[in-house]
């Protein structure tokens, strides 16, 4: 058997033996974040954890102007984005102690 005919056979065997990801491994989320969730992994759990907007007021926004006003300052606040909005959010400064959550999974934060 010549090497030139053996090599494609070996390469195809290696390709067929490689594992393929299942749908669950491709990033399907089991659960969205809610207003009452707290972080339990990652940097948000270090040095006492983070609280985000816990204990503050909850406001729902649907425009860039409302969003910009809602996330300014450092008072705790939960901001719920109810719909996508147009504009340039490059200059929006999000203060400390904010939790920003989409009202539904179809909400996009910004449509340019």
PDB file of N, CA and C in Angstrom:
ATOM      1  N   UNK A   1       0.849  -1.180   0.000  1.00  0.00           N
ATOM      2  CA  UNK A   1       0.000   0.000   0.000  1.00  0.00           C
ATOM      3  C   UNK A   1       0.890   1.236   0.000  1.00  0.00           C
ATOM      4  N   UNK A   2       0.586   2.126  -0.844  1.00  0.00           N
ATOM      5  CA  UNK A   2       1.397   3.323  -0.966  1.00  0.00           C
ATOM      6  C   UNK A   2       0.984   4.352   0.085  1.00  0.00           C
ATOM      7  N   UNK A   3       1.899   5.169   0.496  1.00  0.00           N
ATOM      8  CA  UNK A   3       1.661   6.198   1.491  1.00  0.00           C
ATOM      9  C   UNK A   3       0.610   7.200   1.011  1.00  0.00           C
ATOM     10  N   UNK A   4       0.587   7.497  -0.262  1.00  0.00           N
ATOM     11  CA  UNK A   4      -0.356   8.489  -0.785  1.00  0.00           C
ATOM     12  C   UNK A   4      -1.810   8.023  -0.658  1.00  0.00           C
ATOM     13  N   UNK A   5      -2.073   6.729  -0.660  1.00  0.00           N
ATOM     14  CA  UNK A   5      -3.437   6.254  -0.464  1.00  0.00           C
ATOM     15  C   UNK A   5      -3.748   6.013   1.008  1.00  0.00           C
ATOM     16  N   UNK A   6      -2.749   5.826   1.826  1.00  0.00           N
ATOM     17  CA  UNK A   6      -2.938   5.579   3.253  1.00  0.00           C
ATOM     18  C   UNK A   6      -3.202   6.889   4.018  1.00  0.00           C
ATOM     19  N   UNK A   7      -2.571   7.956   3.616  1.00  0.00           N
ATOM     20  CA  UNK A   7      -2.692   9.240   4.308  1.00  0.00           C
ATOM     21  C   UNK A   7      -4.120   9.786   4.318  1.00  0.00           C
ATOM     22  N   UNK A   8      -4.846   9.821   3.204  1.00  0.00           N
ATOM     23  CA  UNK A   8      -6.238  10.313   3.256  1.00  0.00           C
ATOM     24  C   UNK A   8      -7.137   9.454   4.151  1.00  0.00           C
ATOM     25  N   UNK A   9      -6.889   8.169   4.188  1.00  0.00           N
ATOM     26  CA  UNK A   9      -7.667   7.278   5.041  1.00  0.00           C
ATOM     27  C   UNK A   9      -7.462   7.622   6.517  1.00  0.00           C
ATOM     28  N   UNK A  10      -6.226   7.863   6.895  1.00  0.00           N
ATOM     29  CA  UNK A  10      -5.924   8.228   8.294  1.00  0.00           C
ATOM     30  C   UNK A  10      -6.521   9.582   8.655  1.00  0.00           C
ATOM     31  N   UNK A  11      -6.402  10.553   7.764  1.00  0.00           N
ATOM     32  CA  UNK A  11      -6.940  11.887   8.042  1.00  0.00           C
ATOM     33  C   UNK A  11      -8.464  11.870   8.182  1.00  0.00           C
ATOM     34  N   UNK A  12      -9.128  11.080   7.344  1.00  0.00           N
ATOM     35  CA  UNK A  12     -10.585  11.003   7.467  1.00  0.00           C
ATOM     36  C   UNK A  12     -10.993  10.304   8.758  1.00  0.00           C
ATOM     37  N   UNK A  13     -10.217   9.326   9.215  1.00  0.00           N
ATOM     38  CA  UNK A  13     -10.520   8.649  10.479  1.00  0.00           C
ATOM     39  C   UNK A  13     -10.361   9.611  11.646  1.00  0.00           C
ATOM     40  N   UNK A  14      -9.344  10.455  11.608  1.00  0.00           N
ATOM     41  CA  UNK A  14      -9.140  11.438  12.674  1.00  0.00           C
ATOM     42  C   UNK A  14     -10.287  12.446  12.691  1.00  0.00           C
ATOM     43  N   UNK A  15     -10.723  12.901  11.527  1.00  0.00           N
ATOM     44  CA  UNK A  15     -11.804  13.881  11.457  1.00  0.00           C
ATOM     45  C   UNK A  15     -13.114  13.296  11.970  1.00  0.00           C
ATOM     46  N   UNK A  16     -13.384  12.049  11.671  1.00  0.00           N
ATOM     47  CA  UNK A  16     -14.618  11.418  12.136  1.00  0.00           C
ATOM     48  C   UNK A  16     -14.588  11.135  13.632  1.00  0.00           C
ATOM     49  N   UNK A  17     -13.414  10.972  14.205  1.00  0.00           N
ATOM     50  CA  UNK A  17     -13.302  10.671  15.626  1.00  0.00           C
ATOM     51  C   UNK A  17     -13.381  11.918  16.502  1.00  0.00           C
ATOM     52  N   UNK A  18     -13.274  13.112  15.901  1.00  0.00           N
ATOM     53  CA  UNK A  18     -13.319  14.354  16.677  1.00  0.00           C
ATOM     54  C   UNK A  18     -14.719  14.569  17.249  1.00  0.00           C
ATOM     55  N   UNK A  19     -14.816  14.950  18.526  1.00  0.00           N
ATOM     56  CA  UNK A  19     -16.143  15.174  19.114  1.00  0.00           C
ATOM     57  C   UNK A  19     -16.816  16.400  18.530  1.00  0.00           C
ATOM     58  N   UNK A  20     -18.109  16.355  18.409  1.00  0.00           N
ATOM     59  CA  UNK A  20     -18.876  17.508  17.935  1.00  0.00           C
ATOM     60  C   UNK A  20     -19.713  18.040  19.092  1.00  0.00           C
ATOM     61  N   UNK A  21     -19.803  19.357  19.221  1.00  0.00           N
ATOM     62  CA  UNK A  21     -20.559  19.910  20.342  1.00  0.00           C
ATOM     63  C   UNK A  21     -22.059  19.679  20.192  1.00  0.00           C
ATOM     64  N   UNK A  22     -22.692  19.476  21.314  1.00  0.00           N
ATOM     65  CA  UNK A  22     -24.145  19.360  21.307  1.00  0.00           C
ATOM     66  C   UNK A  22     -24.756  20.750  21.377  1.00  0.00           C
ATOM     67  N   UNK A  23     -26.044  20.858  21.220  1.00  0.00           N
ATOM     68  CA  UNK A  23     -26.725  22.151  21.243  1.00  0.00           C
ATOM     69  C   UNK A  23     -26.504  22.847  22.581  1.00  0.00           C
ATOM     70  N   UNK A  24     -26.499  22.111  23.674  1.00  0.00           N
ATOM     71  CA  UNK A  24     -26.324  22.715  24.996  1.00  0.00           C
ATOM     72  C   UNK A  24     -24.948  23.341  25.143  1.00  0.00           C
ATOM     73  N   UNK A  25     -23.941  22.828  24.436  1.00  0.00           N
ATOM     74  CA  UNK A  25     -22.592  23.361  24.544  1.00  0.00           C
ATOM     75  C   UNK A  25     -22.381  24.596  23.678  1.00  0.00           C
ATOM     76  N   UNK A  26     -23.339  24.951  22.863  1.00  0.00           N
ATOM     77  CA  UNK A  26     -23.182  26.080  21.954  1.00  0.00           C
ATOM     78  C   UNK A  26     -23.683  27.392  22.530  1.00  0.00           C
ATOM     79  N   UNK A  27     -23.928  27.474  23.812  1.00  0.00           N
ATOM     80  CA  UNK A  27     -24.279  28.736  24.433  1.00  0.00           C
ATOM     81  C   UNK A  27     -25.758  28.945  24.658  1.00  0.00           C
ATOM     82  N   UNK A  28     -26.569  27.906  24.660  1.00  0.00           N
ATOM     83  CA  UNK A  28     -27.989  28.066  24.948  1.00  0.00           C
ATOM     84  C   UNK A  28     -28.133  28.361  26.434  1.00  0.00           C
ATOM     85  N   UNK A  29     -28.770  29.456  26.754  1.00  0.00           N
ATOM     86  CA  UNK A  29     -28.929  29.846  28.146  1.00  0.00           C
ATOM     87  C   UNK A  29     -30.124  29.154  28.773  1.00  0.00           C
ATOM     88  N   UNK A  30     -29.923  28.630  29.964  1.00  0.00           N
ATOM     89  CA  UNK A  30     -31.010  27.965  30.653  1.00  0.00           C
ATOM     90  C   UNK A  30     -31.911  28.981  31.344  1.00  0.00           C
ATOM     91  N   UNK A  31     -31.341  30.132  31.765  1.00  0.00           N
ATOM     92  CA  UNK A  31     -32.108  31.095  32.546  1.00  0.00           C
ATOM     93  C   UNK A  31     -31.544  32.488  32.320  1.00  0.00           C
ATOM     94  N   UNK A  32     -32.427  33.476  32.186  1.00  0.00           N
ATOM     95  CA  UNK A  32     -31.995  34.866  32.091  1.00  0.00           C
ATOM     96  C   UNK A  32     -31.853  35.447  33.488  1.00  0.00           C
ATOM     97  N   UNK A  33     -31.108  36.521  33.609  1.00  0.00           N
ATOM     98  CA  UNK A  33     -30.974  37.211  34.882  1.00  0.00           C
ATOM     99  C   UNK A  33     -32.292  37.874  35.251  1.00  0.00           C
ATOM    100  N   UNK A  34     -32.575  37.919  36.534  1.00  0.00           N
ATOM    101  CA  UNK A  34     -33.764  38.614  37.000  1.00  0.00           C
ATOM    102  C   UNK A  34     -33.346  39.725  37.962  1.00  0.00           C
ATOM    103  N   UNK A  35     -34.288  40.520  38.370  1.00  0.00           N
ATOM    104  CA  UNK A  35     -34.018  41.652  39.255  1.00  0.00           C
ATOM    105  C   UNK A  35     -33.480  41.189  40.609  1.00  0.00           C
ATOM    106  N   UNK A  36     -33.841  40.001  41.048  1.00  0.00           N
ATOM    107  CA  UNK A  36     -33.438  39.540  42.381  1.00  0.00           C
ATOM    108  C   UNK A  36     -32.192  38.663  42.376  1.00  0.00           C
ATOM    109  N   UNK A  37     -31.616  38.350  41.217  1.00  0.00           N
ATOM    110  CA  UNK A  37     -30.419  37.503  41.158  1.00  0.00           C
ATOM    111  C   UNK A  37     -29.219  38.205  41.770  1.00  0.00           C
ATOM    112  N   UNK A  38     -28.343  37.419  42.372  1.00  0.00           N
ATOM    113  CA  UNK A  38     -27.065  37.916  42.883  1.00  0.00           C
ATOM    114  C   UNK A  38     -25.959  37.068  42.262  1.00  0.00           C
ATOM    115  N   UNK A  39     -24.780  37.645  42.049  1.00  0.00           N
ATOM    116  CA  UNK A  39     -23.700  36.886  41.418  1.00  0.00           C
ATOM    117  C   UNK A  39     -23.189  35.780  42.340  1.00  0.00           C
ATOM    118  N   UNK A  40     -22.870  34.622  41.749  1.00  0.00           N
ATOM    119  CA  UNK A  40     -22.314  33.535  42.537  1.00  0.00           C
ATOM    120  C   UNK A  40     -21.040  32.971  41.918  1.00  0.00           C
ATOM    121  N   UNK A  41     -20.539  33.599  40.848  1.00  0.00           N
ATOM    122  CA  UNK A  41     -19.277  33.196  40.234  1.00  0.00           C
ATOM    123  C   UNK A  41     -18.524  34.434  39.759  1.00  0.00           C
ATOM    124  N   UNK A  42     -17.248  34.287  39.549  1.00  0.00           N
ATOM    125  CA  UNK A  42     -16.444  35.329  38.938  1.00  0.00           C
ATOM    126  C   UNK A  42     -16.036  36.453  39.875  1.00  0.00           C
ATOM    127  N   UNK A  43     -15.554  37.536  39.265  1.00  0.00           N
ATOM    128  CA  UNK A  43     -15.036  38.674  40.019  1.00  0.00           C
ATOM    129  C   UNK A  43     -16.095  39.337  40.893  1.00  0.00           C
ATOM    130  N   UNK A  44     -17.348  39.222  40.539  1.00  0.00           N
ATOM    131  CA  UNK A  44     -18.410  39.863  41.310  1.00  0.00           C
ATOM    132  C   UNK A  44     -18.573  39.250  42.693  1.00  0.00           C
ATOM    133  N   UNK A  45     -17.912  38.125  42.959  1.00  0.00           N
ATOM    134  CA  UNK A  45     -18.008  37.484  44.273  1.00  0.00           C
ATOM    135  C   UNK A  45     -16.796  37.794  45.151  1.00  0.00           C
ATOM    136  N   UNK A  46     -15.798  38.484  44.628  1.00  0.00           N
ATOM    137  CA  UNK A  46     -14.567  38.745  45.359  1.00  0.00           C
ATOM    138  C   UNK A  46     -14.731  39.894  46.360  1.00  0.00           C
ATOM    139  N   UNK A  47     -13.991  39.834  47.453  1.00  0.00           N
ATOM    140  CA  UNK A  47     -13.939  40.901  48.462  1.00  0.00           C
ATOM    141  C   UNK A  47     -15.320  41.329  48.951  1.00  0.00           C
ATOM    142  N   UNK A  48     -16.162  40.384  49.258  1.00  0.00           N
ATOM    143  CA  UNK A  48     -17.487  40.704  49.776  1.00  0.00           C
ATOM    144  C   UNK A  48     -18.572  40.773  48.724  1.00  0.00           C
ATOM    145  N   UNK A  49     -18.206  40.648  47.457  1.00  0.00           N
ATOM    146  CA  UNK A  49     -19.203  40.620  46.391  1.00  0.00           C
ATOM    147  C   UNK A  49     -19.665  42.007  45.963  1.00  0.00           C
ATOM    148  N   UNK A  50     -20.628  42.017  45.083  1.00  0.00           N
ATOM    149  CA  UNK A  50     -21.206  43.267  44.589  1.00  0.00           C
ATOM    150  C   UNK A  50     -22.703  43.262  44.844  1.00  0.00           C
ATOM    151  N   UNK A  51     -23.284  44.429  44.906  1.00  0.00           N
ATOM    152  CA  UNK A  51     -24.725  44.522  45.142  1.00  0.00           C
ATOM    153  C   UNK A  51     -25.464  45.124  43.961  1.00  0.00           C
ATOM    154  N   UNK A  52     -24.746  45.758  43.042  1.00  0.00           N
ATOM    155  CA  UNK A  52     -25.413  46.391  41.911  1.00  0.00           C
ATOM    156  C   UNK A  52     -26.411  47.421  42.408  1.00  0.00           C
ATOM    157  N   UNK A  53     -27.632  47.357  41.909  1.00  0.00           N
ATOM    158  CA  UNK A  53     -28.667  48.310  42.299  1.00  0.00           C
ATOM    159  C   UNK A  53     -29.540  47.845  43.440  1.00  0.00           C
ATOM    160  N   UNK A  54     -29.173  46.733  44.089  1.00  0.00           N
ATOM    161  CA  UNK A  54     -29.987  46.188  45.186  1.00  0.00           C
ATOM    162  C   UNK A  54     -30.264  47.250  46.255  1.00  0.00           C
ATOM    163  N   UNK A  55     -31.510  47.352  46.651  1.00  0.00           N
ATOM    164  CA  UNK A  55     -31.902  48.308  47.677  1.00  0.00           C
ATOM    165  C   UNK A  55     -32.283  49.670  47.138  1.00  0.00           C
ATOM    166  N   UNK A  56     -32.052  49.889  45.866  1.00  0.00           N
ATOM    167  CA  UNK A  56     -32.390  51.177  45.263  1.00  0.00           C
ATOM    168  C   UNK A  56     -33.719  51.128  44.539  1.00  0.00           C
ATOM    169  N   UNK A  57     -34.034  52.207  43.895  1.00  0.00           N
ATOM    170  CA  UNK A  57     -35.296  52.283  43.153  1.00  0.00           C
ATOM    171  C   UNK A  57     -35.188  51.500  41.845  1.00  0.00           C
ATOM    172  N   UNK A  58     -36.337  51.144  41.284  1.00  0.00           N
ATOM    173  CA  UNK A  58     -36.402  50.469  39.995  1.00  0.00           C
ATOM    174  C   UNK A  58     -37.080  51.394  39.004  1.00  0.00           C
ATOM    175  N   UNK A  59     -36.453  51.568  37.843  1.00  0.00           N
ATOM    176  CA  UNK A  59     -37.024  52.427  36.815  1.00  0.00           C
ATOM    177  C   UNK A  59     -36.974  51.704  35.469  1.00  0.00           C
ATOM    178  N   UNK A  60     -37.963  51.929  34.646  1.00  0.00           N
ATOM    179  CA  UNK A  60     -38.033  51.336  33.313  1.00  0.00           C
ATOM    180  C   UNK A  60     -37.820  52.426  32.283  1.00  0.00           C
ATOM    181  N   UNK A  61     -36.929  52.167  31.302  1.00  0.00           N
ATOM    182  CA  UNK A  61     -36.601  53.166  30.287  1.00  0.00           C
ATOM    183  C   UNK A  61     -36.835  52.591  28.896  1.00  0.00           C
ATOM    184  N   UNK A  62     -37.089  53.501  27.923  1.00  0.00           N
ATOM    185  CA  UNK A  62     -37.281  53.062  26.539  1.00  0.00           C
ATOM    186  C   UNK A  62     -36.591  53.982  25.537  1.00  0.00           C
ATOM    187  N   UNK A  63     -35.911  55.038  26.019  1.00  0.00           N
ATOM    188  CA  UNK A  63     -35.181  55.940  25.125  1.00  0.00           C
ATOM    189  C   UNK A  63     -33.762  56.125  25.654  1.00  0.00           C
ATOM    190  N   UNK A  64     -32.874  56.566  24.778  1.00  0.00           N
ATOM    191  CA  UNK A  64     -31.496  56.809  25.182  1.00  0.00           C
ATOM    192  C   UNK A  64     -31.415  57.910  26.236  1.00  0.00           C
ATOM    193  N   UNK A  65     -32.225  58.954  26.104  1.00  0.00           N
ATOM    194  CA  UNK A  65     -32.220  60.044  27.090  1.00  0.00           C
ATOM    195  C   UNK A  65     -32.646  59.533  28.465  1.00  0.00           C
ATOM    196  N   UNK A  66     -33.697  58.705  28.511  1.00  0.00           N
ATOM    197  CA  UNK A  66     -34.136  58.132  29.785  1.00  0.00           C
ATOM    198  C   UNK A  66     -33.058  57.230  30.376  1.00  0.00           C
ATOM    199  N   UNK A  67     -32.420  56.427  29.512  1.00  0.00           N
ATOM    200  CA  UNK A  67     -31.367  55.525  29.969  1.00  0.00           C
ATOM    201  C   UNK A  67     -30.193  56.304  30.550  1.00  0.00           C
ATOM    202  N   UNK A  68     -29.760  57.345  29.840  1.00  0.00           N
ATOM    203  CA  UNK A  68     -28.630  58.164  30.291  1.00  0.00           C
ATOM    204  C   UNK A  68     -28.916  58.781  31.652  1.00  0.00           C
ATOM    205  N   UNK A  69     -30.122  59.294  31.843  1.00  0.00           N
ATOM    206  CA  UNK A  69     -30.498  59.892  33.126  1.00  0.00           C
ATOM    207  C   UNK A  69     -30.584  58.836  34.224  1.00  0.00           C
ATOM    208  N   UNK A  70     -31.100  57.660  33.895  1.00  0.00           N
ATOM    209  CA  UNK A  70     -31.303  56.620  34.903  1.00  0.00           C
ATOM    210  C   UNK A  70     -29.995  56.036  35.429  1.00  0.00           C
ATOM    211  N   UNK A  71     -28.959  55.962  34.583  1.00  0.00           N
ATOM    212  CA  UNK A  71     -27.715  55.331  35.020  1.00  0.00           C
ATOM    213  C   UNK A  71     -26.686  56.315  35.561  1.00  0.00           C
ATOM    214  N   UNK A  72     -27.004  57.591  35.571  1.00  0.00           N
ATOM    215  CA  UNK A  72     -26.057  58.575  36.101  1.00  0.00           C
ATOM    216  C   UNK A  72     -26.060  58.538  37.625  1.00  0.00           C
ATOM    217  N   UNK A  73     -24.993  59.050  38.216  1.00  0.00           N
ATOM    218  CA  UNK A  73     -24.882  59.098  39.672  1.00  0.00           C
ATOM    219  C   UNK A  73     -24.483  57.753  40.255  1.00  0.00           C
ATOM    220  N   UNK A  74     -24.291  57.733  41.581  1.00  0.00           N
ATOM    221  CA  UNK A  74     -23.826  56.525  42.250  1.00  0.00           C
ATOM    222  C   UNK A  74     -24.836  55.930  43.218  1.00  0.00           C
ATOM    223  N   UNK A  75     -26.073  56.456  43.236  1.00  0.00           N
ATOM    224  CA  UNK A  75     -27.102  55.878  44.092  1.00  0.00           C
ATOM    225  C   UNK A  75     -27.520  54.522  43.524  1.00  0.00           C
ATOM    226  N   UNK A  76     -27.826  53.527  44.387  1.00  0.00           N
ATOM    227  CA  UNK A  76     -28.271  52.226  43.887  1.00  0.00           C
ATOM    228  C   UNK A  76     -29.548  52.358  43.065  1.00  0.00           C
ATOM    229  N   UNK A  77     -29.591  51.676  41.921  1.00  0.00           N
ATOM    230  CA  UNK A  77     -30.775  51.738  41.064  1.00  0.00           C
ATOM    231  C   UNK A  77     -30.791  50.519  40.152  1.00  0.00           C
ATOM    232  N   UNK A  78     -31.984  49.978  39.931  1.00  0.00           N
ATOM    233  CA  UNK A  78     -32.190  48.900  38.971  1.00  0.00           C
ATOM    234  C   UNK A  78     -32.864  49.524  37.765  1.00  0.00           C
ATOM    235  N   UNK A  79     -32.221  49.413  36.594  1.00  0.00           N
ATOM    236  CA  UNK A  79     -32.723  50.013  35.368  1.00  0.00           C
ATOM    237  C   UNK A  79     -33.186  48.884  34.446  1.00  0.00           C
ATOM    238  N   UNK A  80     -34.467  48.897  34.103  1.00  0.00           N
ATOM    239  CA  UNK A  80     -35.034  47.891  33.206  1.00  0.00           C
ATOM    240  C   UNK A  80     -35.238  48.545  31.848  1.00  0.00           C
ATOM    241  N   UNK A  81     -34.612  47.961  30.829  1.00  0.00           N
ATOM    242  CA  UNK A  81     -34.719  48.485  29.464  1.00  0.00           C
ATOM    243  C   UNK A  81     -35.872  47.768  28.781  1.00  0.00           C
ATOM    244  N   UNK A  82     -36.917  48.520  28.414  1.00  0.00           N
ATOM    245  CA  UNK A  82     -38.131  47.899  27.878  1.00  0.00           C
ATOM    246  C   UNK A  82     -38.122  47.727  26.375  1.00  0.00           C
ATOM    247  N   UNK A  83     -37.299  48.505  25.668  1.00  0.00           N
ATOM    248  CA  UNK A  83     -37.233  48.363  24.210  1.00  0.00           C
ATOM    249  C   UNK A  83     -35.898  48.887  23.722  1.00  0.00           C
ATOM    250  N   UNK A  84     -35.543  48.484  22.508  1.00  0.00           N
ATOM    251  CA  UNK A  84     -34.324  49.001  21.917  1.00  0.00           C
ATOM    252  C   UNK A  84     -34.496  50.465  21.583  1.00  0.00           C
ATOM    253  N   UNK A  85     -33.396  51.196  21.504  1.00  0.00           N
ATOM    254  CA  UNK A  85     -33.491  52.603  21.152  1.00  0.00           C
ATOM    255  C   UNK A  85     -32.333  52.984  20.262  1.00  0.00           C
ATOM    256  N   UNK A  86     -32.511  54.077  19.529  1.00  0.00           N
ATOM    257  CA  UNK A  86     -31.496  54.540  18.594  1.00  0.00           C
ATOM    258  C   UNK A  86     -30.680  55.658  19.215  1.00  0.00           C
ATOM    259  N   UNK A  87     -29.450  55.763  18.773  1.00  0.00           N
ATOM    260  CA  UNK A  87     -28.589  56.828  19.242  1.00  0.00           C
ATOM    261  C   UNK A  87     -27.170  56.339  19.426  1.00  0.00           C
ATOM    262  N   UNK A  88     -26.317  57.212  19.904  1.00  0.00           N
ATOM    263  CA  UNK A  88     -24.916  56.882  20.131  1.00  0.00           C
ATOM    264  C   UNK A  88     -24.667  56.859  21.634  1.00  0.00           C
ATOM    265  N   UNK A  89     -24.477  55.695  22.166  1.00  0.00           N
ATOM    266  CA  UNK A  89     -24.308  55.545  23.607  1.00  0.00           C
ATOM    267  C   UNK A  89     -22.848  55.616  24.039  1.00  0.00           C
ATOM    268  N   UNK A  90     -21.951  56.043  23.155  1.00  0.00           N
ATOM    269  CA  UNK A  90     -20.534  56.115  23.496  1.00  0.00           C
ATOM    270  C   UNK A  90     -20.256  57.065  24.651  1.00  0.00           C
ATOM    271  N   UNK A  91     -21.079  58.089  24.828  1.00  0.00           N
ATOM    272  CA  UNK A  91     -20.824  59.084  25.872  1.00  0.00           C
ATOM    273  C   UNK A  91     -21.632  58.836  27.146  1.00  0.00           C
ATOM    274  N   UNK A  92     -22.361  57.730  27.229  1.00  0.00           N
ATOM    275  CA  UNK A  92     -23.146  57.430  28.430  1.00  0.00           C
ATOM    276  C   UNK A  92     -22.201  56.953  29.525  1.00  0.00           C
ATOM    277  N   UNK A  93     -22.260  57.595  30.669  1.00  0.00           N
ATOM    278  CA  UNK A  93     -21.432  57.225  31.823  1.00  0.00           C
ATOM    279  C   UNK A  93     -22.320  56.508  32.834  1.00  0.00           C
ATOM    280  N   UNK A  94     -22.039  55.248  33.062  1.00  0.00           N
ATOM    281  CA  UNK A  94     -22.827  54.465  34.011  1.00  0.00           C
ATOM    282  C   UNK A  94     -22.160  54.561  35.371  1.00  0.00           C
ATOM    283  N   UNK A  95     -22.902  55.084  36.340  1.00  0.00           N
ATOM    284  CA  UNK A  95     -22.374  55.244  37.681  1.00  0.00           C
ATOM    285  C   UNK A  95     -22.300  53.920  38.429  1.00  0.00           C
ATOM    286  N   UNK A  96     -21.737  53.965  39.604  1.00  0.00           N
ATOM    287  CA  UNK A  96     -21.646  52.777  40.453  1.00  0.00           C
ATOM    288  C   UNK A  96     -23.021  52.374  40.954  1.00  0.00           C
ATOM    289  N   UNK A  97     -23.136  51.142  41.409  1.00  0.00           N
ATOM    290  CA  UNK A  97     -24.352  50.621  42.055  1.00  0.00           C
ATOM    291  C   UNK A  97     -25.548  50.573  41.114  1.00  0.00           C
ATOM    292  N   UNK A  98     -25.335  50.109  39.901  1.00  0.00           N
ATOM    293  CA  UNK A  98     -26.422  50.000  38.922  1.00  0.00           C
ATOM    294  C   UNK A  98     -26.558  48.555  38.466  1.00  0.00           C
ATOM    295  N   UNK A  99     -27.792  48.102  38.309  1.00  0.00           N
ATOM    296  CA  UNK A  99     -28.112  46.837  37.658  1.00  0.00           C
ATOM    297  C   UNK A  99     -28.936  47.186  36.434  1.00  0.00           C
ATOM    298  N   UNK A 100     -28.491  46.730  35.251  1.00  0.00           N
ATOM    299  CA  UNK A 100     -29.190  47.027  34.003  1.00  0.00           C
ATOM    300  C   UNK A 100     -29.682  45.705  33.434  1.00  0.00           C
ATOM    301  N   UNK A 101     -30.995  45.602  33.258  1.00  0.00           N
ATOM    302  CA  UNK A 101     -31.609  44.344  32.844  1.00  0.00           C
ATOM    303  C   UNK A 101     -32.584  44.613  31.709  1.00  0.00           C
ATOM    304  N   UNK A 102     -32.552  43.768  30.692  1.00  0.00           N
ATOM    305  CA  UNK A 102     -33.518  43.854  29.600  1.00  0.00           C
ATOM    306  C   UNK A 102     -34.851  43.285  30.045  1.00  0.00           C
ATOM    307  N   UNK A 103     -35.938  43.948  29.687  1.00  0.00           N
ATOM    308  CA  UNK A 103     -37.267  43.502  30.097  1.00  0.00           C
ATOM    309  C   UNK A 103     -37.612  42.149  29.479  1.00  0.00           C
ATOM    310  N   UNK A 104     -37.179  41.918  28.248  1.00  0.00           N
ATOM    311  CA  UNK A 104     -37.382  40.618  27.610  1.00  0.00           C
ATOM    312  C   UNK A 104     -36.112  40.261  26.852  1.00  0.00           C
ATOM    313  N   UNK A 105     -36.012  39.016  26.421  1.00  0.00           N
ATOM    314  CA  UNK A 105     -34.803  38.569  25.731  1.00  0.00           C
ATOM    315  C   UNK A 105     -34.649  39.195  24.357  1.00  0.00           C
ATOM    316  N   UNK A 106     -35.680  39.825  23.831  1.00  0.00           N
ATOM    317  CA  UNK A 106     -35.601  40.430  22.501  1.00  0.00           C
ATOM    318  C   UNK A 106     -35.164  41.893  22.533  1.00  0.00           C
ATOM    319  N   UNK A 107     -34.950  42.457  23.713  1.00  0.00           N
ATOM    320  CA  UNK A 107     -34.576  43.863  23.826  1.00  0.00           C
ATOM    321  C   UNK A 107     -33.098  44.019  23.479  1.00  0.00           C
ATOM    322  N   UNK A 108     -32.820  44.900  22.520  1.00  0.00           N
ATOM    323  CA  UNK A 108     -31.449  45.271  22.195  1.00  0.00           C
ATOM    324  C   UNK A 108     -31.185  46.624  22.827  1.00  0.00           C
ATOM    325  N   UNK A 109     -30.041  46.791  23.445  1.00  0.00           N
ATOM    326  CA  UNK A 109     -29.757  48.040  24.135  1.00  0.00           C
ATOM    327  C   UNK A 109     -29.627  49.222  23.184  1.00  0.00           C
ATOM    328  N   UNK A 110     -29.025  49.004  22.025  1.00  0.00           N
ATOM    329  CA  UNK A 110     -28.777  50.140  21.158  1.00  0.00           C
ATOM    330  C   UNK A 110     -28.862  49.722  19.708  1.00  0.00           C
ATOM    331  N   UNK A 111     -29.603  50.469  18.939  1.00  0.00           N
ATOM    332  CA  UNK A 111     -29.677  50.270  17.492  1.00  0.00           C
ATOM    333  C   UNK A 111     -29.122  51.518  16.840  1.00  0.00           C
ATOM    334  N   UNK A 112     -27.971  51.417  16.203  1.00  0.00           N
ATOM    335  CA  UNK A 112     -27.365  52.603  15.560  1.00  0.00           C
ATOM    336  C   UNK A 112     -27.915  52.797  14.194  1.00  0.00           C
TER     337      UNK A 112
END
